[in-house]
Amino acid sequence: MSVSPQKVAELKEVIRNHFSQIDLRSHIRGILADAIGANKEQASLLSEADILQELQSRRLIDEVLSSLQLSEDHGLFTRSGRDNLKPSFSSVDKKDAMEAIQSSQKKLDATRRYLYLQVLEGKAFLEHLQEAAPFPGQTSSYFSLHAQFLGQRFHSRPVACACEPDFGEGLLLELPVSHSDIGKMANSSSLLSMAEPVHLVLLRTVASGMSNLVSTYSLDWRSVLTRENSMQQMALELMGIGKENKVSFGMLEVKLELLPPLHQAVPQELLSTQITMERSRETERQRLFLVYAKQWWKEYLQLRESHCNRLVKIFAQDECANNWFVCSYVFPLCAGRLLEAPRLAARFVSLISYEKTQNISVGKGDSGELWASMHTFLARKRGDCENHAILLCSLLLGFGLDAYVCVGCKGKGQPHTWVMTISPDGVITFWESTTGNR
């Protein structure tokens, strides 16, 4: 019996996620620590067979296999209408979502509202119109969709590349409580003021395992507030990346639903007024900063004539060809107990793969340079030196350090980006974000 490469990839991903959820590494470390502690003299003589025997004697393997249920009706897999086995990652069924809100046995806050985002299918992915089916045993390329909303991150199961890929995913996004009434469910006015979009990143992973960025989309979900039943289905047009941002890659069918629904829908005029007010406020903020930046640049050039040849970065362009002030990329990012010290944060960032892209430049060449958003960088799991530096600087700011992103040159005049921190007594420390060295 042959198994398709897509199902093999799905099975591997499910098992990997399950091992991460039960923290299998910590259990193995504990067992090995006990075994080595009881026989320290022969610790260096332990072979792989001895370690497996020790794990079997502790019944760890049996417990893991019993917890990894691979039935078709329950557990990690569910059967779809097309008789395809699909692993459930961060997906939540609508019925389960409603029961979770109404039942006190579930670990969901009954005082909160939830946004249920269903990613149905893709359409008109014309690049894969004539893509042939892979041969048995051959690894095919696949799509994966990543979503971020208010500190919550999700990713879909692997879906084979096709002209109309069937995602069939459901994401349950938690909405904050009401701003006016603390501890109560968010009302329509509170939801209307939440301008944070749902950021979607579509990746395509080829047979070699390399993931390429296909498209990103910022979804303003508040239009669902204007529907009578707090439910809306829409088609999102996915555009290309960088210079191809005007070229359509395809359409993505999604469905939004507010759980529990509003008692009364928000008027469309009220939503339009809110969006117009937010855009005008943002435009005025950008105008004031632009006036300040021009004045600063003029005074900077007057200090020395050599300043006109220095690498100075004021604006950057993201993967969607949108221009942003570079200071908007950096913000305090608190990792909590995941990273307990700045050194661990530097080590974590350095483990993300480095990928050389276009050089940092100024002037006319600046239009071709892309600074990816942090979510896109984390979804791709690789990026250039500026992506590493921005993430490390944000983490160091979360630790309370006085951190800055530096743009300059390293050996042989090569443009580079790194991080600088200043201690309270004035000691300056440089951090190389791609290696973790200081």
Protein backbone atom coordinates (compact mmCIF):
# COMPACT_ATOMS: atom_id res chain seq x y z
CA MET A 1 0.00 0.00 0.00
CA SER A 2 1.56 3.30 -1.14
CA VAL A 3 1.04 6.53 0.77
CA SER A 4 1.05 9.86 -1.05
CA PRO A 5 3.93 12.24 -0.26
CA GLN A 6 1.45 14.86 0.96
CA LYS A 7 0.04 12.48 3.59
CA VAL A 8 3.56 11.52 4.65
CA ALA A 9 4.44 15.20 5.10
CA GLU A 10 1.21 15.78 7.01
CA LEU A 11 1.87 12.79 9.27
CA LYS A 12 5.41 13.96 10.04
CA GLU A 13 4.16 17.45 10.87
CA VAL A 14 1.42 16.08 13.17
CA ILE A 15 3.88 13.85 15.05
CA ARG A 16 6.37 16.73 15.35
CA ASN A 17 3.70 19.05 16.75
CA HIS A 18 2.47 16.36 19.16
CA PHE A 19 5.99 15.78 20.49
CA SER A 20 6.33 19.52 21.02
CA GLN A 21 3.02 19.74 22.89
CA ILE A 22 3.86 16.95 25.34
CA ASP A 23 7.43 18.32 25.75
CA LEU A 24 9.01 14.98 24.86
CA ARG A 25 12.56 16.32 25.05
CA SER A 26 12.18 17.28 28.70
CA HIS A 27 10.96 13.76 29.56
CA ILE A 28 13.91 12.20 27.73
CA ARG A 29 16.38 14.53 29.43
CA GLY A 30 14.94 13.64 32.82
CA ILE A 31 15.20 9.90 32.22
CA LEU A 32 18.77 10.20 30.91
CA ALA A 33 19.73 12.39 33.86
CA ASP A 34 18.45 9.73 36.28
CA ALA A 35 20.22 6.96 34.38
CA ILE A 36 23.54 8.84 34.23
CA GLY A 37 23.26 9.95 37.85
CA ALA A 38 22.91 6.35 38.99
CA ASN A 39 25.92 5.23 36.97
CA LYS A 40 28.20 8.21 36.30
CA GLU A 41 31.31 6.08 35.69
CA GLN A 42 29.76 4.37 32.66
CA ALA A 43 27.96 7.47 31.30
CA SER A 44 30.42 7.84 28.43
CA LEU A 45 29.92 4.18 27.48
CA LEU A 46 26.18 4.48 26.89
CA SER A 47 25.23 3.55 23.32
CA GLU A 48 22.10 4.33 21.37
CA ALA A 49 20.77 0.84 22.12
CA ASP A 50 21.29 1.40 25.86
CA ILE A 51 19.38 4.68 25.71
CA LEU A 52 16.47 3.06 23.81
CA GLN A 53 16.40 0.20 26.31
CA GLU A 54 16.26 2.68 29.18
CA LEU A 55 13.40 4.57 27.55
CA GLN A 56 11.50 1.31 26.98
CA SER A 57 12.03 0.19 30.57
CA ARG A 58 10.53 3.48 31.77
CA ARG A 59 7.57 2.85 29.41
CA LEU A 60 8.04 6.28 27.84
CA ILE A 61 7.72 4.98 24.29
CA ASP A 62 4.50 3.12 25.14
CA GLU A 63 3.01 6.20 26.75
CA VAL A 64 3.89 8.37 23.75
CA LEU A 65 2.41 5.89 21.27
CA SER A 66 -0.76 5.54 23.33
CA SER A 67 -1.19 9.32 23.45
CA LEU A 68 -0.61 9.62 19.69
CA GLN A 69 -4.00 8.40 18.47
CA LEU A 70 -4.22 8.14 14.71
CA SER A 71 -7.79 6.97 14.28
CA GLU A 72 -9.93 8.31 11.47
CA ASP A 73 -12.80 9.48 13.65
CA HIS A 74 -10.98 10.83 16.71
CA GLY A 75 -7.61 12.10 17.71
CA LEU A 76 -5.21 13.84 15.41
CA PHE A 77 -6.99 13.13 12.11
CA THR A 78 -10.44 13.90 10.83
CA ARG A 79 -12.04 12.61 7.65
CA SER A 80 -13.23 15.22 5.17
CA GLY A 81 -15.95 14.93 2.57
CA ARG A 82 -13.35 13.85 0.01
CA ASP A 83 -12.08 10.97 2.15
CA ASN A 84 -8.75 12.73 2.71
CA LEU A 85 -7.05 12.45 6.07
CA LYS A 86 -6.21 15.93 7.34
CA PRO A 87 -4.23 16.69 10.48
CA SER A 88 -5.70 19.29 12.80
CA PHE A 89 -3.11 21.84 13.88
CA SER A 90 -4.52 25.12 15.15
CA SER A 91 -7.86 24.41 13.53
CA VAL A 92 -11.09 24.58 15.49
CA ASP A 93 -14.45 23.29 14.31
CA LYS A 94 -17.33 25.77 14.58
CA LYS A 95 -19.44 23.43 16.69
CA ASP A 96 -16.53 22.85 19.06
CA ALA A 97 -15.94 26.60 19.26
CA MET A 98 -19.54 27.31 20.31
CA GLU A 99 -19.51 24.48 22.82
CA ALA A 100 -16.22 25.72 24.22
CA ILE A 101 -17.66 29.17 24.83
CA GLN A 102 -20.85 27.89 26.41
CA SER A 103 -19.32 25.06 28.45
CA SER A 104 -17.45 25.78 31.65
CA GLN A 105 -15.42 22.63 31.16
CA LYS A 106 -13.50 24.19 28.27
CA LYS A 107 -10.47 26.36 28.90
CA LEU A 108 -11.93 29.32 26.99
CA ASP A 109 -13.00 32.51 28.68
CA ALA A 110 -16.78 32.82 28.53
CA THR A 111 -16.49 36.60 29.00
CA ARG A 112 -14.68 37.04 25.66
CA ARG A 113 -15.77 37.15 22.09
CA TYR A 114 -14.03 35.13 19.40
CA LEU A 115 -13.49 35.63 15.71
CA TYR A 116 -13.86 32.37 13.84
CA LEU A 117 -11.88 32.61 10.59
CA GLN A 118 -12.46 29.85 8.07
CA VAL A 119 -10.00 29.58 5.18
CA LEU A 120 -12.02 27.66 2.61
CA GLU A 121 -10.04 27.33 -0.61
CA GLY A 122 -7.87 29.12 -3.09
CA LYS A 123 -8.91 29.98 -6.62
CA ALA A 124 -7.17 31.02 -9.83
CA PHE A 125 -3.65 30.10 -8.69
CA LEU A 126 -2.71 30.14 -12.37
CA GLU A 127 0.96 29.36 -11.82
CA HIS A 128 -0.13 25.82 -10.90
CA LEU A 129 -2.76 25.44 -13.61
CA GLN A 130 -0.90 22.68 -15.48
CA GLU A 131 1.07 21.22 -12.59
CA ALA A 132 1.19 17.44 -12.92
CA ALA A 133 0.51 15.10 -10.04
CA PRO A 134 3.67 13.75 -8.39
CA PHE A 135 4.77 10.17 -8.93
CA PRO A 136 4.44 7.71 -6.04
CA GLY A 137 7.24 8.33 -3.58
CA GLN A 138 8.05 11.74 -5.05
CA THR A 139 7.89 14.76 -2.75
CA SER A 140 5.68 17.51 -4.13
CA SER A 141 5.58 21.20 -3.35
CA TYR A 142 2.89 22.44 -0.98
CA PHE A 143 1.31 25.62 0.39
CA SER A 144 1.09 26.64 4.03
CA LEU A 145 -0.86 29.60 5.38
CA HIS A 146 0.29 31.51 8.48
CA ALA A 147 -1.89 33.94 10.44
CA GLN A 148 -1.14 36.46 13.18
CA PHE A 149 -3.62 38.47 15.23
CA LEU A 150 -3.04 40.33 18.52
CA GLY A 151 -0.12 38.15 19.60
CA GLN A 152 -1.77 34.91 18.41
CA ARG A 153 -0.07 32.87 15.69
CA PHE A 154 -1.49 29.97 13.68
CA HIS A 155 -0.44 27.91 10.68
CA SER A 156 -2.36 25.58 8.42
CA ARG A 157 -1.66 22.03 7.43
CA PRO A 158 0.41 21.44 4.26
CA VAL A 159 -1.77 21.68 1.15
CA ALA A 160 -0.54 20.40 -2.21
CA CYS A 161 0.10 23.15 -4.76
CA ALA A 162 -2.76 23.34 -7.23
CA CYS A 163 -4.81 25.83 -9.17
CA GLU A 164 -7.55 25.55 -6.53
CA PRO A 165 -5.91 24.35 -3.29
CA ASP A 166 -8.30 23.06 -0.64
CA PHE A 167 -7.19 24.59 2.66
CA GLY A 168 -10.28 23.78 4.73
CA GLU A 169 -8.94 25.35 7.93
CA GLY A 170 -10.67 27.06 10.84
CA LEU A 171 -8.91 29.46 13.22
CA LEU A 172 -10.44 30.62 16.50
CA LEU A 173 -9.05 34.08 17.28
CA GLU A 174 -9.54 35.53 20.75
CA LEU A 175 -10.72 39.14 20.96
CA PRO A 176 -9.82 41.39 23.92
CA VAL A 177 -12.35 42.24 26.62
CA SER A 178 -14.24 45.51 26.67
CA HIS A 179 -12.19 48.67 27.24
CA SER A 180 -14.98 50.50 29.07
CA ASP A 181 -16.26 47.66 31.27
CA ILE A 182 -13.26 45.70 32.52
CA GLY A 183 -13.88 41.97 32.70
CA LYS A 184 -16.94 42.06 30.43
CA MET A 185 -17.39 40.83 26.89
CA ALA A 186 -16.36 43.33 24.23
CA ASN A 187 -19.31 45.30 22.88
CA SER A 188 -19.76 46.75 19.41
CA SER A 189 -18.01 50.04 20.21
CA SER A 190 -14.95 48.24 21.59
CA LEU A 191 -14.79 45.93 18.60
CA LEU A 192 -15.14 48.88 16.25
CA SER A 193 -12.04 50.53 17.72
CA MET A 194 -9.84 47.43 17.23
CA ALA A 195 -7.84 48.42 14.16
CA GLU A 196 -5.42 45.48 14.35
CA PRO A 197 -5.81 43.40 11.15
CA VAL A 198 -5.36 39.67 10.70
CA HIS A 199 -2.02 39.29 8.93
CA LEU A 200 -1.90 36.34 6.52
CA VAL A 201 1.30 34.95 4.99
CA LEU A 202 1.19 32.35 2.21
CA LEU A 203 4.31 30.23 1.75
CA ARG A 204 5.19 27.66 -0.89
CA THR A 205 7.61 24.89 0.09
CA VAL A 206 9.35 23.10 -2.76
CA ALA A 207 10.61 19.52 -2.82
CA SER A 208 14.04 20.55 -1.48
CA GLY A 209 12.41 21.91 1.68
CA MET A 210 13.00 25.60 0.88
CA SER A 211 10.02 27.84 1.73
CA ASN A 212 9.38 30.80 -0.55
CA LEU A 213 7.15 33.77 0.18
CA VAL A 214 4.17 33.88 -2.18
CA SER A 215 1.95 36.63 -0.83
CA THR A 216 0.84 38.48 2.30
CA TYR A 217 -2.50 40.07 3.14
CA SER A 218 -3.74 42.34 5.94
CA LEU A 219 -7.39 41.46 6.55
CA ASP A 220 -9.60 44.12 8.16
CA TRP A 221 -12.12 41.84 9.84
CA ARG A 222 -14.43 44.57 11.19
CA SER A 223 -16.73 44.40 8.18
CA VAL A 224 -18.31 41.35 9.84
CA LEU A 225 -19.71 43.72 12.49
CA THR A 226 -22.07 45.21 9.92
CA ARG A 227 -23.76 41.87 9.12
CA GLU A 228 -27.04 40.98 10.80
CA ASN A 229 -25.93 37.49 11.75
CA SER A 230 -22.28 38.52 12.40
CA MET A 231 -21.22 36.28 9.54
CA GLN A 232 -19.54 37.16 6.25
CA GLN A 233 -17.89 35.35 3.37
CA MET A 234 -15.42 37.19 1.14
CA ALA A 235 -12.76 36.65 -1.49
CA LEU A 236 -9.28 38.06 -0.82
CA GLU A 237 -7.08 38.92 -3.78
CA LEU A 238 -3.50 37.86 -3.09
CA MET A 239 -0.91 40.07 -4.77
CA GLY A 240 2.70 39.29 -5.58
CA ILE A 241 5.80 40.27 -3.62
CA GLY A 242 8.12 43.22 -4.17
CA LYS A 243 8.14 44.46 -7.75
CA GLU A 244 5.25 42.09 -8.56
CA ASN A 245 2.95 43.67 -5.95
CA LYS A 246 0.60 44.81 -8.74
CA VAL A 247 0.26 41.30 -10.17
CA SER A 248 -2.47 39.06 -8.79
CA PHE A 249 -1.36 35.60 -7.65
CA GLY A 250 -4.85 34.26 -6.95
CA MET A 251 -7.95 34.50 -4.77
CA LEU A 252 -8.50 33.15 -1.27
CA GLU A 253 -12.02 32.33 -0.11
CA VAL A 254 -12.53 33.03 3.60
CA LYS A 255 -15.48 33.18 5.96
CA LEU A 256 -15.68 35.33 9.10
CA GLU A 257 -18.01 34.78 12.03
CA LEU A 258 -18.25 36.52 15.39
CA LEU A 259 -18.88 34.19 18.33
CA PRO A 260 -21.20 34.89 20.04
CA PRO A 261 -22.87 37.22 17.51
CA LEU A 262 -23.79 40.81 18.23
CA HIS A 263 -27.37 41.54 19.27
CA GLN A 264 -27.46 44.44 16.82
CA ALA A 265 -25.31 44.98 13.75
CA VAL A 266 -23.11 48.06 13.44
CA PRO A 267 -24.28 50.51 10.73
CA GLN A 268 -22.07 50.55 7.65
CA GLU A 269 -21.81 54.34 7.85
CA LEU A 270 -20.38 54.11 11.36
CA LEU A 271 -17.69 51.64 10.25
CA SER A 272 -16.79 53.82 7.25
CA THR A 273 -16.50 56.87 9.51
CA GLN A 274 -14.26 54.97 11.92
CA ILE A 275 -11.93 53.76 9.15
CA THR A 276 -11.78 57.25 7.59
CA MET A 277 -10.92 58.79 10.94
CA GLU A 278 -8.15 56.23 11.55
CA ARG A 279 -6.65 56.81 8.11
CA SER A 280 -6.70 60.59 8.49
CA ARG A 281 -5.05 60.32 11.90
CA GLU A 282 -2.35 58.05 10.50
CA THR A 283 -1.80 60.34 7.51
CA GLU A 284 -1.34 63.35 9.79
CA ARG A 285 1.08 61.42 11.98
CA GLN A 286 3.15 60.44 8.97
CA ARG A 287 3.11 64.00 7.64
CA LEU A 288 4.42 65.40 10.92
CA PHE A 289 7.16 62.79 11.08
CA LEU A 290 8.13 63.50 7.47
CA VAL A 291 8.50 67.21 8.26
CA TYR A 292 10.66 66.35 11.24
CA ALA A 293 12.76 63.86 9.22
CA LYS A 294 13.41 66.41 6.47
CA GLN A 295 14.54 69.00 9.01
CA TRP A 296 16.77 66.47 10.77
CA TRP A 297 18.31 65.37 7.46
CA LYS A 298 19.05 68.97 6.51
CA GLU A 299 20.78 69.66 9.82
CA TYR A 300 22.65 66.35 9.61
CA LEU A 301 24.15 67.19 6.22
CA GLN A 302 25.24 70.61 7.47
CA LEU A 303 27.40 69.11 10.23
CA ARG A 304 29.96 67.50 7.90
CA GLU A 305 30.33 67.15 4.17
CA SER A 306 31.17 63.44 4.56
CA HIS A 307 27.70 62.77 6.02
CA CYS A 308 26.21 62.73 2.53
CA ASN A 309 28.15 59.50 1.82
CA ARG A 310 27.04 57.67 4.97
CA LEU A 311 24.43 54.92 5.01
CA VAL A 312 21.35 56.44 6.62
CA LYS A 313 18.04 54.61 6.63
CA ILE A 314 14.86 56.61 7.29
CA PHE A 315 12.29 54.71 5.21
CA ALA A 316 12.02 51.02 4.34
CA GLN A 317 9.79 49.05 1.99
CA ASP A 318 8.09 45.86 3.13
CA GLU A 319 7.23 42.77 1.09
CA CYS A 320 4.03 44.45 -0.17
CA ALA A 321 5.99 47.50 -1.45
CA ASN A 322 4.55 49.70 1.33
CA ASN A 323 6.89 52.38 2.67
CA TRP A 324 7.33 52.59 6.46
CA PHE A 325 9.47 54.59 8.81
CA VAL A 326 12.25 52.34 10.02
CA CYS A 327 11.43 53.12 13.66
CA SER A 328 8.02 51.45 13.22
CA TYR A 329 9.71 48.07 12.70
CA VAL A 330 11.15 48.01 16.24
CA PHE A 331 8.99 47.69 19.37
CA PRO A 332 9.44 46.11 22.83
CA LEU A 333 8.81 42.39 22.54
CA CYS A 334 8.49 40.50 25.82
CA ALA A 335 9.26 36.79 25.49
CA GLY A 336 8.29 35.99 29.07
CA ARG A 337 9.59 32.70 30.39
CA LEU A 338 10.46 31.44 26.90
CA LEU A 339 13.69 33.47 26.87
CA GLU A 340 14.94 34.22 30.35
CA ALA A 341 17.97 36.40 29.53
CA PRO A 342 19.26 38.69 26.75
CA ARG A 343 22.00 36.16 25.92
CA LEU A 344 19.36 33.51 25.27
CA ALA A 345 17.48 35.97 23.05
CA ALA A 346 20.64 36.57 21.01
CA ARG A 347 21.18 32.82 20.73
CA PHE A 348 17.57 32.29 19.64
CA VAL A 349 17.76 34.93 16.90
CA SER A 350 21.07 33.58 15.60
CA LEU A 351 19.50 30.13 15.11
CA ILE A 352 17.14 31.55 12.48
CA SER A 353 18.63 30.88 9.06
CA TYR A 354 20.45 33.73 7.36
CA GLU A 355 19.59 34.48 3.75
CA LYS A 356 21.45 37.18 1.82
CA THR A 357 19.11 39.45 -0.12
CA GLN A 358 19.72 42.79 -1.76
CA ASN A 359 22.31 45.07 -0.21
CA ILE A 360 21.30 48.00 1.95
CA SER A 361 21.44 51.09 -0.21
CA VAL A 362 20.32 54.69 -0.31
CA GLY A 363 19.07 56.96 -3.03
CA LYS A 364 17.70 55.47 -6.23
CA GLY A 365 18.68 51.91 -5.35
CA ASP A 366 16.60 52.05 -2.21
CA SER A 367 13.36 51.32 -4.07
CA GLY A 368 14.38 47.71 -4.74
CA GLU A 369 15.14 46.78 -1.14
CA LEU A 370 12.62 44.91 1.01
CA TRP A 371 12.44 44.80 4.80
CA ALA A 372 10.02 42.00 5.63
CA SER A 373 7.59 42.37 8.51
CA MET A 374 8.40 40.44 11.68
CA HIS A 375 5.58 37.94 11.18
CA THR A 376 6.72 37.22 7.63
CA PHE A 377 10.29 36.76 8.85
CA LEU A 378 9.21 34.31 11.56
CA ALA A 379 6.91 32.43 9.19
CA ARG A 380 9.68 31.97 6.60
CA LYS A 381 12.22 31.09 9.35
CA ARG A 382 14.99 32.89 7.51
CA GLY A 383 15.95 36.40 6.46
CA ASP A 384 18.69 38.97 5.98
CA CYS A 385 20.76 40.72 8.65
CA GLU A 386 18.23 43.54 9.10
CA ASN A 387 15.46 41.04 9.93
CA HIS A 388 17.66 39.43 12.57
CA ALA A 389 18.70 42.81 13.98
CA ILE A 390 15.11 44.09 14.22
CA LEU A 391 13.96 40.95 16.06
CA LEU A 392 16.93 41.00 18.45
CA CYS A 393 16.54 44.71 19.17
CA SER A 394 12.83 44.25 19.92
CA LEU A 395 13.61 41.38 22.31
CA LEU A 396 16.33 43.40 24.07
CA LEU A 397 13.90 46.29 24.47
CA GLY A 398 11.51 43.80 26.05
CA PHE A 399 14.20 43.04 28.64
CA GLY A 400 14.39 46.76 29.46
CA LEU A 401 17.71 47.42 27.70
CA ASP A 402 18.45 50.64 25.83
CA ALA A 403 18.79 49.01 22.40
CA TYR A 404 19.16 50.40 18.87
CA VAL A 405 19.46 48.99 15.35
CA CYS A 406 22.67 50.17 13.64
CA VAL A 407 23.09 50.50 9.87
CA GLY A 408 26.63 50.75 8.56
CA CYS A 409 29.45 48.80 6.95
CA LYS A 410 31.66 45.92 8.02
CA GLY A 411 34.87 44.64 6.44
CA LYS A 412 35.62 45.70 2.85
CA GLY A 413 32.82 48.25 2.93
CA GLN A 414 30.02 45.68 2.90
CA PRO A 415 26.68 47.15 4.14
CA HIS A 416 25.53 45.50 7.35
CA THR A 417 23.00 45.82 10.17
CA TRP A 418 23.57 44.97 13.85
CA VAL A 419 22.33 45.93 17.33
CA MET A 420 23.81 48.30 19.92
CA THR A 421 22.92 48.58 23.61
CA ILE A 422 23.93 51.33 26.07
CA SER A 423 24.15 50.47 29.77
CA PRO A 424 23.13 52.99 32.50
CA ASP A 425 26.83 53.80 33.11
CA GLY A 426 27.44 54.48 29.41
CA VAL A 427 29.06 51.19 28.35
CA ILE A 428 28.32 50.42 24.69
CA THR A 429 27.89 46.82 23.54
CA PHE A 430 27.50 45.66 19.94
CA TRP A 431 25.46 42.51 19.22
CA GLU A 432 25.88 40.52 16.00
CA SER A 433 22.35 39.22 15.48
CA THR A 434 23.24 36.58 12.87
CA THR A 435 25.79 34.81 15.12
CA GLY A 436 24.81 35.83 18.67
CA ASN A 437 28.29 37.21 19.39
CA ARG A 438 28.89 40.40 21.34
